[in-house]
């Protein structure tokens, strides 16, 4: 007897073998029905012959009987393929192969269209977007780390994790499974090997489907090359980075973590102090050594009478630093990065205007690409200086000082939200935040700051706002957004900010609002009400303020000597400011 189910040919993919087996089963079932129909017809013929009036037909034993084919084994007819199951299989394959390039969020209708495009055989089934949504939720329940569905759309997809899930579903060995087989028992290894062998042909087909075509590989190579070009710094950026890089490498010297030379020699086990910078204890007649270190160290307001221990930089280490090859002066608060290329040498001398910023006609100063402001926010605490109300801050006429530029706005406490509001009112868009981590004289994070309602502040925030378009005058991505620097006088900000902003916009006009005498720097214009007699170093600005009647000649300090080759052009390359209206003149 011929078996109706012929063994499938070895080497064919499993999908083809399954289709062949279905066809063979359908052929066997059809053949079985035909044989049953033939038997029924033969019975009716015999019954009709027995009812003939002539009597039954004689049946000769010598007549050949038709051969009877063996009946196939009876069994249930195989069910038709489940459309939803087929959609599940096609959707999983599509998400694994194309999920990395899929734009999210993706709707169910879009996923259905893309899946059918990849698997055209799904078009003969009646499936819709609802089936896709159902399949996505099923995947989310099975692999929550790889798939997330929000409002019926695919919102998150980890193609790598989903591929690992598909490997486990199909029994394909992965790296982790291979390692587990090598180290595990023989029984578990044989089971995994048998499963992998059972699905090896289907795995080969899936790998073949997932392999990129030559055109896809070419597109990927072009995309990688484009990304590399986009991330590669331009020649100008590389030149600016090299310009501000410290000549000969870093000149920074570390402070010894033991503090003083005596403690260093005692604790390092050698009996000699290390080569780092040390501190020296300041012991005065009124000092009580048993009380320990002063919490405020060099920022103590009562150092002349304070009974706690204070410190200063060891003079021997400082002298060794000055005479050695290192360029860093431990006592200096500012330092240029390159000795042979001082970025401040071609700037005008510092200029400052002693005024009430709330009423001063700031439009007479012209335009400044860079502005830094440290307003006296009303933070509802007792402070050693006057403050401005929230409404006064909102009414500040800062917007007249810039058309295209960047504003660095220092905020603290409750002023953080108010600062963002002011940026929006003044016409800026908030883009980033700079953080100042405060350290004390011994280079440790402060823990006894004078601000903070519930816990002491060990940091301050500087909001960065941008107005207009920033052109190639600005060097982006040179510095990071964290500064670690010592705390000094109340409200005094790190001097490192001036070097950072010079690297950001070299050779541009810069303005500081709410400045004090310690904020005055070369190349900067400073406005504040504690600056003494006004000094203007830019010739064109000095003449304009006199012409507008903002100042009288006797109100201004003598003009400093301008540089031989000024880096900043008149008005910074902008148009001169418009004349004040008649009623604005004093």
Protein backbone atom coordinates (compact mmCIF):
# COMPACT_ATOMS: atom_id res chain seq x y z
CA UNK A 1 0.00 0.00 0.00
CA UNK A 2 1.21 3.48 -0.90
CA UNK A 3 1.45 5.86 2.01
CA UNK A 4 -0.53 9.05 1.32
CA UNK A 5 1.87 11.20 3.34
CA UNK A 6 5.21 11.05 1.62
CA UNK A 7 8.17 11.99 3.73
CA UNK A 8 9.26 15.55 2.94
CA UNK A 9 12.45 16.06 1.04
CA UNK A 10 15.35 16.86 3.32
CA UNK A 11 16.94 20.26 3.06
CA UNK A 12 13.74 22.24 2.30
CA UNK A 13 12.88 25.10 4.66
CA UNK A 14 10.37 24.26 7.31
CA UNK A 15 7.76 26.69 5.97
CA UNK A 16 7.78 24.85 2.62
CA UNK A 17 7.63 21.48 4.38
CA UNK A 18 4.60 22.59 6.37
CA UNK A 19 2.84 23.76 3.17
CA UNK A 20 3.70 20.46 1.46
CA UNK A 21 2.33 18.46 4.40
CA UNK A 22 -0.92 20.45 4.31
CA UNK A 23 -1.30 19.79 0.58
CA UNK A 24 -0.64 16.09 1.10
CA UNK A 25 -3.25 15.89 3.85
CA UNK A 26 -5.79 17.71 1.69
CA UNK A 27 -5.03 15.36 -1.23
CA UNK A 28 -5.51 12.32 1.03
CA UNK A 29 -8.81 13.65 2.37
CA UNK A 30 -10.10 14.35 -1.18
CA UNK A 31 -9.06 10.88 -2.33
CA UNK A 32 -10.86 9.37 0.63
CA UNK A 33 -14.08 11.21 -0.27
CA UNK A 34 -13.86 10.10 -3.93
CA UNK A 35 -13.46 6.47 -2.89
CA UNK A 36 -16.46 6.73 -0.56
CA UNK A 37 -18.51 8.23 -3.39
CA UNK A 38 -17.48 5.38 -5.73
CA UNK A 39 -18.48 2.78 -3.16
CA UNK A 40 -21.86 4.47 -2.69
CA UNK A 41 -22.50 4.49 -6.46
CA UNK A 42 -21.52 0.82 -6.73
CA UNK A 43 -24.00 -0.11 -3.98
CA UNK A 44 -26.84 1.70 -5.72
CA UNK A 45 -26.10 -0.21 -8.95
CA UNK A 46 -26.21 -3.56 -7.18
CA UNK A 47 -29.46 -2.66 -5.38
CA UNK A 48 -31.06 -1.61 -8.71
CA UNK A 49 -30.07 -4.90 -10.32
CA UNK A 50 -31.72 -6.88 -7.54
CA UNK A 51 -35.04 -5.02 -8.08
CA UNK A 52 -35.06 -5.64 -11.85
CA UNK A 53 -38.25 -7.46 -13.16
CA UNK A 54 -36.01 -9.87 -14.92
CA UNK A 55 -34.46 -10.85 -11.66
CA UNK A 56 -30.99 -10.39 -10.49
CA UNK A 57 -28.24 -10.37 -12.97
CA UNK A 58 -26.07 -13.40 -12.84
CA UNK A 59 -22.70 -12.66 -11.47
CA UNK A 60 -20.03 -14.77 -12.95
CA UNK A 61 -17.28 -15.69 -10.66
CA UNK A 62 -14.90 -15.34 -13.60
CA UNK A 63 -15.59 -11.61 -14.13
CA UNK A 64 -12.68 -9.53 -12.93
CA UNK A 65 -13.50 -7.35 -9.94
CA UNK A 66 -12.25 -3.77 -9.90
CA UNK A 67 -9.26 -3.37 -7.63
CA UNK A 68 -10.03 -1.62 -4.37
CA UNK A 69 -7.52 0.93 -3.29
CA UNK A 70 -6.58 0.90 0.37
CA UNK A 71 -8.41 3.57 2.39
CA UNK A 72 -6.28 6.24 3.97
CA UNK A 73 -6.18 6.32 7.73
CA UNK A 74 -9.17 8.18 9.01
CA UNK A 75 -8.51 11.40 10.97
CA UNK A 76 -9.70 14.97 11.36
CA UNK A 77 -9.25 17.31 8.43
CA UNK A 78 -6.49 19.86 9.33
CA UNK A 79 -7.95 23.23 10.28
CA UNK A 80 -7.33 26.33 8.19
CA UNK A 81 -4.50 28.67 9.30
CA UNK A 82 -5.47 31.23 11.99
CA UNK A 83 -5.29 34.73 10.44
CA UNK A 84 -4.38 36.38 13.76
CA UNK A 85 -1.59 33.88 14.41
CA UNK A 86 -0.19 34.49 10.94
CA UNK A 87 -0.34 38.27 11.59
CA UNK A 88 1.46 37.77 14.90
CA UNK A 89 4.26 35.91 13.15
CA UNK A 90 4.60 38.51 10.39
CA UNK A 91 4.45 41.48 12.79
CA UNK A 92 7.12 40.00 15.06
CA UNK A 93 9.40 39.40 12.09
CA UNK A 94 8.86 42.96 10.82
CA UNK A 95 9.55 44.57 14.22
CA UNK A 96 12.73 42.54 14.69
CA UNK A 97 14.13 43.29 11.22
CA UNK A 98 12.96 46.88 10.69
CA UNK A 99 12.25 48.03 14.25
CA UNK A 100 15.54 49.90 14.63
CA UNK A 101 14.63 52.27 11.78
CA UNK A 102 10.93 52.59 12.61
CA UNK A 103 9.68 56.09 13.45
CA UNK A 104 7.87 56.08 16.77
CA UNK A 105 5.12 56.41 17.80
CA UNK A 106 3.66 54.19 15.06
CA UNK A 107 -0.07 53.65 14.58
CA UNK A 108 -1.65 50.23 14.15
CA UNK A 109 -2.75 51.07 10.61
CA UNK A 110 0.80 52.03 9.60
CA UNK A 111 2.24 48.87 11.14
CA UNK A 112 -0.37 46.76 9.32
CA UNK A 113 0.53 48.33 5.99
CA UNK A 114 4.28 47.86 6.52
CA UNK A 115 3.85 44.28 7.73
CA UNK A 116 1.69 43.30 4.75
CA UNK A 117 4.22 44.97 2.45
CA UNK A 118 6.93 42.75 3.90
CA UNK A 119 4.71 39.63 4.04
CA UNK A 120 2.31 39.79 1.03
CA UNK A 121 0.78 36.43 1.96
CA UNK A 122 -1.04 38.19 4.82
CA UNK A 123 -3.18 40.09 2.31
CA UNK A 124 -5.39 36.99 1.77
CA UNK A 125 -6.50 37.05 5.39
CA UNK A 126 -9.14 39.34 6.80
CA UNK A 127 -7.04 41.21 9.35
CA UNK A 128 -7.17 44.88 10.27
CA UNK A 129 -5.69 47.50 12.57
CA UNK A 130 -7.56 45.97 15.51
CA UNK A 131 -5.61 42.74 15.07
CA UNK A 132 -2.36 44.70 15.10
CA UNK A 133 -3.36 46.51 18.31
CA UNK A 134 -4.26 43.18 19.91
CA UNK A 135 -0.94 41.66 18.79
CA UNK A 136 1.00 44.65 20.19
CA UNK A 137 -0.63 44.29 23.60
CA UNK A 138 0.13 40.57 23.53
CA UNK A 139 3.78 41.34 22.78
CA UNK A 140 3.83 43.91 25.55
CA UNK A 141 2.58 41.32 28.04
CA UNK A 142 5.16 38.79 26.88
CA UNK A 143 8.14 41.16 26.56
CA UNK A 144 7.40 44.30 28.63
CA UNK A 145 11.03 45.42 28.45
CA UNK A 146 11.02 45.45 24.64
CA UNK A 147 7.58 46.78 23.70
CA UNK A 148 5.43 49.53 25.15
CA UNK A 149 1.99 50.47 23.80
CA UNK A 150 0.36 53.81 24.59
CA UNK A 151 -3.10 54.79 23.39
CA UNK A 152 -3.14 51.95 20.89
CA UNK A 153 0.15 53.02 19.27
CA UNK A 154 3.63 51.53 19.46
CA UNK A 155 5.47 54.08 21.64
CA UNK A 156 8.70 52.20 22.48
CA UNK A 157 10.57 49.33 20.87
CA UNK A 158 13.83 47.61 21.76
CA UNK A 159 14.65 45.61 18.64
CA UNK A 160 17.57 43.82 20.31
CA UNK A 161 15.48 42.52 23.20
CA UNK A 162 12.68 41.58 20.80
CA UNK A 163 15.16 39.67 18.63
CA UNK A 164 16.32 37.73 21.69
CA UNK A 165 12.68 36.91 22.47
CA UNK A 166 12.18 35.66 18.90
CA UNK A 167 15.27 33.48 19.24
CA UNK A 168 13.88 31.91 22.40
CA UNK A 169 10.48 31.46 20.75
CA UNK A 170 11.97 29.68 17.75
CA UNK A 171 14.51 27.74 19.78
CA UNK A 172 17.49 29.39 18.17
CA UNK A 173 20.60 29.38 20.37
CA UNK A 174 21.83 32.76 21.61
CA UNK A 175 25.11 33.76 23.21
CA UNK A 176 23.69 33.35 26.71
CA UNK A 177 22.08 30.03 25.81
CA UNK A 178 25.33 28.72 24.35
CA UNK A 179 27.18 29.64 27.52
CA UNK A 180 24.49 28.00 29.63
CA UNK A 181 24.69 24.81 27.53
CA UNK A 182 28.43 24.65 27.94
CA UNK A 183 28.23 24.97 31.70
CA UNK A 184 24.93 23.15 32.35
CA UNK A 185 23.89 19.51 32.50
CA UNK A 186 23.83 17.11 29.58
CA UNK A 187 20.05 16.68 29.65
CA UNK A 188 19.32 20.37 29.27
CA UNK A 189 21.98 20.65 26.56
CA UNK A 190 20.44 17.80 24.53
CA UNK A 191 17.00 19.39 24.81
CA UNK A 192 18.19 22.75 23.53
CA UNK A 193 20.21 21.11 20.77
CA UNK A 194 17.19 19.08 19.64
CA UNK A 195 15.00 22.19 19.63
CA UNK A 196 17.58 24.12 17.64
CA UNK A 197 17.93 21.29 15.12
CA UNK A 198 14.15 21.06 14.77
CA UNK A 199 13.94 24.72 13.80
CA UNK A 200 17.27 25.08 12.01
CA UNK A 201 15.71 25.26 8.54
CA UNK A 202 13.20 27.93 9.59
CA UNK A 203 16.00 29.84 11.33
CA UNK A 204 17.99 29.80 8.11
CA UNK A 205 15.04 31.28 6.23
CA UNK A 206 14.54 33.96 8.91
CA UNK A 207 18.23 34.87 8.79
CA UNK A 208 18.05 35.07 5.02
CA UNK A 209 15.01 37.36 5.24
CA UNK A 210 16.75 39.57 7.81
CA UNK A 211 19.93 39.93 5.77
CA UNK A 212 20.28 43.39 4.25
CA UNK A 213 20.33 43.66 0.52
CA UNK A 214 23.18 45.34 -1.34
CA UNK A 215 21.09 48.50 -1.71
CA UNK A 216 20.24 48.57 1.99
CA UNK A 217 23.91 48.09 2.87
CA UNK A 218 24.84 50.96 0.57
CA UNK A 219 22.24 53.21 2.21
CA UNK A 220 23.47 52.26 5.67
CA UNK A 221 27.07 53.04 4.71
CA UNK A 222 26.01 56.43 3.36
CA UNK A 223 24.06 57.19 6.55
CA UNK A 224 27.03 56.20 8.73
CA UNK A 225 29.35 58.37 6.66
CA UNK A 226 26.95 61.32 6.94
CA UNK A 227 26.70 60.93 10.72
CA UNK A 228 30.49 60.80 10.98
CA UNK A 229 30.78 64.01 8.96
CA UNK A 230 28.15 65.74 11.10
CA UNK A 231 29.91 64.83 14.35
CA UNK A 232 33.40 65.62 13.08
CA UNK A 233 34.54 69.13 14.15
CA UNK A 234 35.18 71.59 11.38
CA UNK A 235 38.62 73.08 10.76
CA UNK A 236 37.51 76.27 12.50
CA UNK A 237 36.21 74.39 15.53
CA UNK A 238 39.41 72.39 15.77
CA UNK A 239 41.44 75.60 15.52
CA UNK A 240 39.42 77.32 18.26
CA UNK A 241 39.72 74.28 20.50
CA UNK A 242 43.49 74.22 20.01
CA UNK A 243 43.67 77.95 20.66
CA UNK A 244 42.13 77.59 24.10
CA UNK A 245 43.95 74.38 24.99
CA UNK A 246 46.60 74.83 27.65
CA UNK A 247 50.07 75.03 26.07
CA UNK A 248 52.24 72.07 27.03
CA UNK A 249 49.44 70.23 28.76
CA UNK A 250 47.57 70.86 31.98
CA UNK A 251 49.28 73.10 34.52
CA UNK A 252 46.84 72.38 37.32
CA UNK A 253 48.39 71.11 40.53
CA UNK A 254 46.48 69.06 43.06
CA UNK A 255 45.98 70.01 46.66
CA UNK A 256 47.12 67.36 49.10
CA UNK A 257 44.16 65.50 50.53
CA UNK A 258 45.82 65.50 53.96
CA UNK A 259 45.83 69.29 54.13
CA UNK A 260 48.97 70.39 55.95
CA UNK A 261 52.54 69.19 55.48
CA UNK A 262 52.63 67.81 59.01
CA UNK A 263 49.56 65.66 58.50
CA UNK A 264 50.80 64.57 55.06
CA UNK A 265 54.19 63.40 56.40
CA UNK A 266 52.50 61.60 59.27
CA UNK A 267 49.81 59.84 57.25
CA UNK A 268 51.54 58.89 53.98
CA UNK A 269 53.99 56.59 55.77
CA UNK A 270 57.18 58.16 54.32
CA UNK A 271 57.83 60.85 56.91
CA UNK A 272 58.09 63.44 54.11
CA UNK A 273 55.36 65.62 52.58
CA UNK A 274 54.26 64.93 49.01
CA UNK A 275 54.76 67.27 46.04
CA UNK A 276 51.21 68.60 46.01
CA UNK A 277 50.06 71.95 47.38
CA UNK A 278 49.58 72.12 51.14
CA UNK A 279 47.95 74.48 53.59
CA UNK A 280 49.30 76.01 56.77
CA UNK A 281 47.32 76.48 59.95
CA UNK A 282 46.87 80.04 61.17
CA UNK A 283 47.24 79.94 64.94
CA UNK A 284 46.71 83.26 66.71
CA UNK A 285 46.79 84.06 70.45
CA UNK A 286 42.99 83.88 70.66
CA UNK A 287 42.75 80.59 68.67
CA UNK A 288 41.47 77.58 70.60
CA UNK A 289 42.88 74.53 68.78
CA UNK A 290 40.52 72.19 70.59
CA UNK A 291 37.56 73.80 68.78
CA UNK A 292 38.80 72.54 65.40
CA UNK A 293 38.39 74.19 61.98
CA UNK A 294 36.18 77.17 61.35
CA UNK A 295 33.12 76.23 59.31
CA UNK A 296 33.53 79.25 57.02
CA UNK A 297 37.38 79.15 56.77
CA UNK A 298 38.57 82.10 54.65
CA UNK A 299 35.02 83.44 54.19
CA UNK A 300 34.58 83.95 57.92
CA UNK A 301 33.37 87.49 58.64
CA UNK A 302 34.98 87.55 62.09
CA UNK A 303 38.41 86.14 61.28
CA UNK A 304 40.15 88.75 63.46
CA UNK A 305 38.41 87.44 66.56
CA UNK A 306 37.28 83.92 65.54
CA UNK A 307 38.63 81.28 67.95
CA UNK A 308 38.48 78.45 65.41
CA UNK A 309 41.40 77.33 63.22
CA UNK A 310 41.87 79.04 59.84
CA UNK A 311 44.22 78.19 56.94
CA UNK A 312 46.33 79.73 54.22
CA UNK A 313 48.30 78.28 51.30
CA UNK A 314 51.76 77.17 52.36
CA UNK A 315 54.20 79.89 51.24
CA UNK A 316 56.96 77.41 50.35
CA UNK A 317 54.69 75.52 47.95
CA UNK A 318 53.48 78.78 46.42
CA UNK A 319 57.04 80.00 45.84
CA UNK A 320 58.03 76.64 44.36
CA UNK A 321 55.09 76.87 41.98
CA UNK A 322 56.08 80.34 40.81
CA UNK A 323 59.73 79.45 40.18
CA UNK A 324 59.08 76.05 38.63
CA UNK A 325 57.92 75.05 35.17
CA UNK A 326 54.24 75.20 36.09
CA UNK A 327 52.42 78.37 35.06
CA UNK A 328 49.68 78.27 37.69
CA UNK A 329 49.78 80.82 40.46
CA UNK A 330 47.92 79.39 43.46
CA UNK A 331 46.99 82.89 44.60
CA UNK A 332 45.69 84.02 41.20
CA UNK A 333 41.95 83.79 40.60
CA UNK A 334 42.16 84.19 36.82
CA UNK A 335 44.68 82.76 34.38
CA UNK A 336 44.90 82.66 30.60
CA UNK A 337 45.19 79.30 28.92
CA UNK A 338 48.13 80.20 26.68
CA UNK A 339 50.99 82.44 27.74
CA UNK A 340 51.85 83.29 24.11
CA UNK A 341 48.23 84.07 23.12
CA UNK A 342 46.45 86.13 25.77
CA UNK A 343 42.81 86.44 24.60
CA UNK A 344 42.40 89.60 26.72
CA UNK A 345 45.45 91.49 25.44
CA UNK A 346 43.54 93.18 22.59
CA UNK A 347 40.48 94.06 24.65
CA UNK A 348 39.65 97.49 25.97
CA UNK A 349 40.23 98.07 29.64
CA UNK A 350 37.36 97.36 32.00
CA UNK A 351 34.54 99.90 31.91
CA UNK A 352 31.78 100.26 34.45
CA UNK A 353 28.74 102.44 34.99
CA UNK A 354 27.67 103.32 38.52
CA UNK A 355 23.89 103.68 38.24
CA UNK A 356 20.48 102.44 39.26
CA UNK A 357 19.83 99.72 36.69
CA UNK A 358 16.07 100.05 37.16
CA UNK A 359 16.05 103.56 35.63
CA UNK A 360 19.26 103.76 33.57
CA UNK A 361 18.66 104.13 29.76
CA UNK A 362 20.40 100.90 28.83
CA UNK A 363 19.63 101.33 25.12
CA UNK A 364 22.43 103.95 25.01
CA UNK A 365 25.04 101.22 25.61
CA UNK A 366 24.49 99.46 22.27
CA UNK A 367 24.30 95.70 21.67
CA UNK A 368 26.15 92.94 23.53
CA UNK A 369 26.35 89.35 22.23
CA UNK A 370 27.02 88.06 25.76
CA UNK A 371 25.27 89.20 28.96
CA UNK A 372 25.69 87.84 32.48
CA UNK A 373 23.39 88.94 35.29
CA UNK A 374 23.35 88.19 39.02
CA UNK A 375 20.18 89.98 40.17
CA UNK A 376 19.44 90.71 43.83
CA UNK A 377 16.44 88.37 43.93
CA UNK A 378 14.06 88.64 46.83
CA UNK A 379 14.49 85.12 48.21
CA UNK A 380 12.69 85.91 51.48
CA UNK A 381 15.86 85.75 53.57
CA UNK A 382 17.94 88.30 55.46
CA UNK A 383 20.73 89.40 53.11
CA UNK A 384 23.58 91.93 53.46
CA UNK A 385 22.38 93.88 50.39
CA UNK A 386 19.16 95.34 49.01
CA UNK A 387 16.87 93.27 46.83
CA UNK A 388 14.42 93.89 43.98
CA UNK A 389 10.82 92.78 43.92
CA UNK A 390 9.51 90.24 41.43
CA UNK A 391 7.64 92.90 39.45
CA UNK A 392 10.74 95.09 39.22
CA UNK A 393 12.63 92.14 37.77
CA UNK A 394 9.91 91.50 35.21
CA UNK A 395 9.99 95.17 34.12
CA UNK A 396 13.76 95.14 33.49
CA UNK A 397 14.54 96.49 30.00
CA UNK A 398 17.05 93.75 29.20
CA UNK A 399 15.63 93.06 25.74
CA UNK A 400 17.11 96.30 24.29
CA UNK A 401 20.66 95.07 24.93
CA UNK A 402 20.61 92.14 22.51
CA UNK A 403 19.30 91.20 19.10
CA UNK A 404 21.20 87.92 18.74
CA UNK A 405 23.05 86.58 21.72
CA UNK A 406 23.10 84.60 24.92
CA UNK A 407 22.17 85.54 28.50
CA UNK A 408 23.56 83.83 31.62
CA UNK A 409 21.17 84.44 34.53
CA UNK A 410 22.17 83.39 38.05
CA UNK A 411 19.27 82.15 40.18
CA UNK A 412 18.84 80.49 43.56
CA UNK A 413 16.01 79.23 45.75
CA UNK A 414 12.59 80.51 44.78
CA UNK A 415 14.11 82.64 42.03
CA UNK A 416 14.63 79.61 39.80
CA UNK A 417 11.06 79.65 38.50
CA UNK A 418 10.95 83.46 38.43
CA UNK A 419 14.16 83.48 36.40
CA UNK A 420 12.63 81.25 33.74
CA UNK A 421 9.60 83.55 33.62
CA UNK A 422 11.81 86.61 33.20
CA UNK A 423 13.73 84.96 30.36
CA UNK A 424 10.49 84.45 28.49
CA UNK A 425 9.31 88.02 29.17
CA UNK A 426 12.61 89.45 27.94
CA UNK A 427 12.41 87.48 24.69
CA UNK A 428 14.75 84.56 25.41
CA UNK A 429 14.27 80.82 25.09
CA UNK A 430 15.72 78.68 27.85
CA UNK A 431 18.23 76.18 26.41
CA UNK A 432 20.43 74.89 29.23
CA UNK A 433 21.53 75.26 32.82
CA UNK A 434 25.02 75.70 34.26
CA UNK A 435 25.81 74.43 37.75
CA UNK A 436 28.34 75.86 40.17
CA UNK A 437 29.41 73.32 42.81
CA UNK A 438 30.71 75.32 45.77
CA UNK A 439 33.90 74.30 47.54
CA UNK A 440 35.64 75.81 50.55
CA UNK A 441 39.23 76.92 50.95
CA UNK A 442 40.36 73.32 51.53
CA UNK A 443 38.76 72.28 48.22
CA UNK A 444 35.93 70.36 49.89
CA UNK A 445 32.23 70.79 49.19
CA UNK A 446 30.78 73.34 51.58
CA UNK A 447 28.23 72.13 54.09
CA UNK A 448 27.57 75.32 56.06
CA UNK A 449 26.37 77.77 53.44
CA UNK A 450 24.53 80.91 54.50
CA UNK A 451 21.53 80.28 52.21
CA UNK A 452 18.82 77.66 52.20
CA UNK A 453 15.53 77.41 54.08
CA UNK A 454 15.65 73.70 54.91
CA UNK A 455 19.10 72.45 53.91
CA UNK A 456 22.27 74.41 53.20
CA UNK A 457 22.94 75.28 49.57
CA UNK A 458 26.13 73.71 48.19
CA UNK A 459 25.48 74.77 44.60
CA UNK A 460 24.02 77.54 42.49
CA UNK A 461 22.26 77.49 39.13
CA UNK A 462 22.80 79.70 36.11
CA UNK A 463 20.04 79.67 33.50
CA UNK A 464 21.16 80.03 29.88
CA UNK A 465 18.82 81.81 27.48
CA UNK A 466 19.29 82.37 23.76
CA UNK A 467 17.80 85.18 21.70
CA UNK A 468 17.75 85.26 17.90
CA UNK A 469 20.20 83.18 15.89
CA UNK A 470 23.73 82.35 17.06
CA UNK A 471 26.16 82.54 14.15
CA UNK A 472 29.77 81.43 13.84
CA UNK A 473 30.88 84.09 16.32
CA UNK A 474 29.98 81.65 19.10
CA UNK A 475 32.00 78.54 19.93
CA UNK A 476 29.64 75.89 21.17
CA UNK A 477 30.56 72.63 22.94
CA UNK A 478 33.95 73.83 24.22
CA UNK A 479 33.15 73.80 27.93
CA UNK A 480 30.94 71.65 30.16
CA UNK A 481 28.02 72.80 32.29
CA UNK A 482 29.60 72.23 35.72
CA UNK A 483 32.06 74.52 37.51
CA UNK A 484 33.75 73.53 40.77
CA UNK A 485 35.13 76.64 42.46
CA UNK A 486 35.67 78.19 45.87
CA UNK A 487 33.16 80.35 47.66
CA UNK A 488 34.38 83.83 48.52
CA UNK A 489 32.49 87.00 49.40
CA UNK A 490 28.72 86.96 49.60
CA UNK A 491 27.12 86.70 46.11
CA UNK A 492 30.51 86.66 44.37
CA UNK A 493 30.50 84.23 41.47
CA UNK A 494 33.46 82.17 40.16
CA UNK A 495 36.03 84.02 38.09
CA UNK A 496 36.14 80.94 35.88
CA UNK A 497 32.95 82.25 34.29
CA UNK A 498 34.84 85.07 32.52
CA UNK A 499 37.27 82.65 30.87
CA UNK A 500 34.37 80.37 29.91
CA UNK A 501 32.44 83.22 28.28
CA UNK A 502 35.56 84.48 26.49
CA UNK A 503 35.98 81.04 24.97
CA UNK A 504 32.29 81.03 24.05
CA UNK A 505 32.43 84.39 22.23
CA UNK A 506 36.05 85.51 21.78
CA UNK A 507 36.55 89.16 20.92
CA UNK A 508 32.89 90.15 21.45
CA UNK A 509 31.40 92.85 23.65
CA UNK A 510 30.24 91.51 27.00
CA UNK A 511 28.01 93.06 29.65
CA UNK A 512 27.48 92.21 33.32
CA UNK A 513 24.44 93.46 35.17
CA UNK A 514 24.30 94.02 38.95
CA UNK A 515 28.08 93.95 39.22
CA UNK A 516 30.22 94.98 42.17
CA UNK A 517 33.89 96.08 42.28
CA UNK A 518 35.15 92.49 42.28
CA UNK A 519 33.20 91.82 39.03
CA UNK A 520 35.09 94.41 36.98
CA UNK A 521 37.10 92.65 34.24
CA UNK A 522 39.02 93.63 31.15
CA UNK A 523 36.87 93.44 28.02
CA UNK A 524 33.63 93.75 30.03
CA UNK A 525 31.11 96.51 30.69
CA UNK A 526 29.73 96.34 34.22
CA UNK A 527 26.58 98.01 35.57
CA UNK A 528 25.83 98.34 39.27
CA UNK A 529 25.22 100.79 42.10
CA UNK A 530 28.43 100.09 44.09
CA UNK A 531 31.09 100.74 41.45
CA UNK A 532 32.33 104.23 42.28
CA UNK A 533 33.03 106.80 39.59
CA UNK A 534 31.96 105.68 36.12
CA UNK A 535 34.77 104.68 33.73
CA UNK A 536 34.24 104.29 29.97
CA UNK A 537 37.07 102.79 27.90
CA UNK A 538 35.42 102.55 24.46
CA UNK A 539 35.86 105.93 22.70
CA UNK A 540 32.65 105.73 20.67
CA UNK A 541 30.56 104.77 23.73
CA UNK A 542 32.06 107.57 25.80
CA UNK A 543 31.26 110.16 23.16
CA UNK A 544 27.73 108.84 22.66
CA UNK A 545 26.91 109.00 26.38
CA UNK A 546 28.16 112.59 26.51
CA UNK A 547 26.18 113.56 23.40
CA UNK A 548 23.01 112.03 24.82
CA UNK A 549 23.45 113.89 28.09
CA UNK A 550 23.51 110.69 30.12
CA UNK A 551 26.76 111.89 31.77
CA UNK A 552 28.68 115.11 32.06
CA UNK A 553 32.45 115.10 31.48
CA UNK A 554 33.12 115.59 35.19
CA UNK A 555 31.04 112.51 35.97
CA UNK A 556 33.47 110.22 34.11
CA UNK A 557 36.88 108.95 35.17
CA UNK A 558 39.79 109.57 32.74
CA UNK A 559 39.60 107.25 29.76
CA UNK A 560 42.17 104.39 29.89
CA UNK A 561 44.65 103.94 27.07
CA UNK A 562 43.02 101.85 24.30
CA UNK A 563 44.84 98.79 22.88
CA UNK A 564 47.00 99.24 19.76
CA UNK A 565 44.99 96.75 17.70
CA UNK A 566 41.52 96.57 19.28
CA UNK A 567 39.77 93.25 18.78
CA UNK A 568 36.31 94.76 19.17
CA UNK A 569 35.16 97.05 16.32
CA UNK A 570 33.07 100.17 17.07
CA UNK A 571 29.77 99.12 18.64
CA UNK A 572 30.84 95.52 18.20
CA UNK A 573 29.99 95.64 14.50
CA UNK A 574 26.36 96.66 15.16
CA UNK A 575 24.65 99.90 14.20
CA UNK A 576 25.00 102.75 16.69
CA UNK A 577 22.05 103.06 19.08
CA UNK A 578 19.26 105.46 18.22
CA UNK A 579 19.09 108.86 19.86
CA UNK A 580 17.08 109.10 23.04
CA UNK A 581 13.68 110.82 22.83
CA UNK A 582 13.63 114.42 23.97
CA UNK A 583 11.88 113.70 27.25
CA UNK A 584 14.48 111.07 28.12
CA UNK A 585 17.33 113.60 28.27
CA UNK A 586 18.45 114.81 31.71
